[in-house]
Protein backbone atom coordinates (compact mmCIF):
# COMPACT_ATOMS: atom_id res chain seq x y z
CA MET A 1 166.14 74.75 95.33
CA GLU A 2 164.96 76.62 98.44
CA ALA A 3 165.28 80.03 96.78
CA THR A 4 163.37 78.78 93.75
CA LEU A 5 160.55 77.45 95.92
CA SER A 6 160.37 80.72 97.82
CA ALA A 7 160.30 82.73 94.59
CA TRP A 8 157.50 80.51 93.29
CA ALA A 9 155.40 80.57 96.48
CA ARG A 10 155.73 84.23 97.48
CA PRO A 11 153.45 85.81 94.81
CA ARG A 12 150.86 83.07 95.21
CA LEU A 13 150.77 83.42 98.98
CA TRP A 14 150.54 87.20 98.63
CA LEU A 15 147.62 86.89 96.19
CA VAL A 16 145.59 84.55 98.38
CA GLY A 17 146.77 86.08 101.67
CA THR A 18 145.65 89.61 100.84
CA ALA A 19 142.25 88.31 99.77
CA LEU A 20 142.05 86.26 102.97
CA LEU A 21 142.84 89.36 105.03
CA ALA A 22 140.14 91.32 103.21
CA GLY A 23 137.67 88.52 103.97
CA VAL A 24 138.63 88.54 107.66
CA ILE A 25 137.82 92.26 107.74
CA VAL A 26 134.59 92.02 105.73
CA GLY A 27 133.26 88.98 107.64
CA PRO A 28 132.53 90.79 110.93
CA ALA A 29 131.11 93.76 109.01
CA ALA A 30 128.76 91.38 107.20
CA VAL A 31 127.71 89.87 110.54
CA ALA A 32 126.91 93.35 111.87
CA LEU A 33 124.90 94.35 108.80
CA LEU A 34 123.01 91.07 108.60
CA THR A 35 122.30 91.14 112.34
CA LEU A 36 120.74 94.59 111.98
CA TYR A 37 118.84 93.53 108.86
CA GLY A 38 117.72 90.11 110.07
CA GLY A 39 116.97 91.01 113.65
CA GLY A 40 119.27 88.58 115.43
CA ALA A 41 122.87 87.57 115.94
CA ALA A 42 122.22 83.95 114.96
CA PHE A 43 120.76 85.07 111.63
CA GLY A 44 123.70 87.39 110.95
CA THR A 45 126.41 84.85 111.72
CA ARG A 46 124.76 82.02 109.80
CA LYS A 47 124.15 84.10 106.70
CA ALA A 48 127.57 85.76 106.71
CA PHE A 49 129.30 82.39 107.13
CA ALA A 50 127.18 80.95 104.32
CA LEU A 51 128.16 83.83 102.01
CA GLY A 52 131.83 83.19 102.79
CA ALA A 53 131.38 79.47 102.12
CA LEU A 54 129.66 80.30 98.84
CA ALA A 55 132.57 82.48 97.75
CA LEU A 56 135.09 79.81 98.79
CA GLY A 57 133.22 77.10 96.89
CA PHE A 58 132.81 79.25 93.80
CA GLY A 59 136.51 80.11 93.84
CA VAL A 60 137.64 76.50 94.21
CA ILE A 61 135.32 75.21 91.49
CA GLY A 62 136.21 78.11 89.19
CA TRP A 63 139.93 77.55 89.79
CA SER A 64 139.66 73.87 88.87
CA GLY A 65 137.48 74.72 85.86
CA SER A 66 140.11 77.19 84.68
CA ILE A 67 142.72 74.46 84.78
CA PHE A 68 140.42 71.93 83.12
CA ALA A 69 139.13 74.07 80.24
CA GLY A 70 141.55 77.00 80.12
CA ARG A 71 143.75 75.94 77.24
CA GLY A 72 140.75 74.94 75.16
CA ILE A 73 139.13 78.34 75.70
CA GLU A 74 142.40 80.11 74.83
CA SER A 75 142.67 78.05 71.62
CA MET A 76 139.07 78.80 70.69
CA GLN A 77 139.64 82.53 71.23
CA ARG A 78 142.73 82.47 68.99
CA HIS A 79 140.85 80.50 66.33
CA LEU A 80 137.87 82.87 66.39
CA ASP A 81 140.14 85.93 66.67
CA THR A 82 138.06 87.41 69.48
CA GLY A 83 140.73 89.84 70.66
CA SER A 84 140.00 88.92 74.27
CA ASP A 85 142.74 89.18 76.87
CA TRP A 86 141.36 86.25 78.90
CA THR A 87 143.99 83.68 79.87
CA GLU A 88 143.99 80.55 81.97
CA ALA A 89 146.54 82.08 84.34
CA ASP A 90 144.44 85.23 84.86
CA SER A 91 141.38 83.11 85.55
CA ARG A 92 143.24 80.97 88.08
CA ARG A 93 144.50 84.11 89.85
CA ALA A 94 140.99 85.57 90.01
CA MET A 95 139.51 82.35 91.34
CA GLY A 96 142.30 82.04 93.91
CA ARG A 97 141.47 85.53 95.12
CA ILE A 98 137.76 84.75 95.38
CA ALA A 99 138.48 81.53 97.29
CA GLY A 100 140.86 83.35 99.63
CA PHE A 101 138.27 86.04 100.30
CA GLY A 102 135.60 83.46 101.06
CA GLY A 103 137.89 81.55 103.39
CA GLY A 104 138.86 84.76 105.15
CA MET A 105 135.24 85.73 105.53
CA MET A 106 134.51 82.37 107.14
CA VAL A 107 137.44 82.86 109.55
CA GLY A 108 136.31 86.39 110.40
CA VAL A 109 132.77 85.25 111.11
CA SER A 110 134.05 82.34 113.22
CA VAL A 111 136.16 84.69 115.33
CA VAL A 112 133.29 87.12 115.89
CA GLU A 113 130.55 84.53 116.46
CA PRO A 114 131.36 83.78 120.14
CA LEU A 115 131.39 87.52 120.87
CA VAL A 116 127.87 88.26 119.60
């Protein structure tokens, strides 16, 4: 049972974890760019955090929408013979990555915020 759980969780954690790490790296860079653009550290941290929250929210809502409507969309594509490669699983993976990136960006901004 333990090996099965590990085999199931490892690719999912890798998918979200790598996106989270990318967000942690991009978050402080976004703070720096927005601080230069907006003219103040408060502006940069607020806007960068808000962008991360937007990505997290979009990813979570998109992930749940993929689960909710995914099979119906796949059936419609087969019925209409669209030739699309879109699948529910691919959509869930993409949304998980977006959510992980947004969460990582929020963490990165939160770590940098006391320093600026």
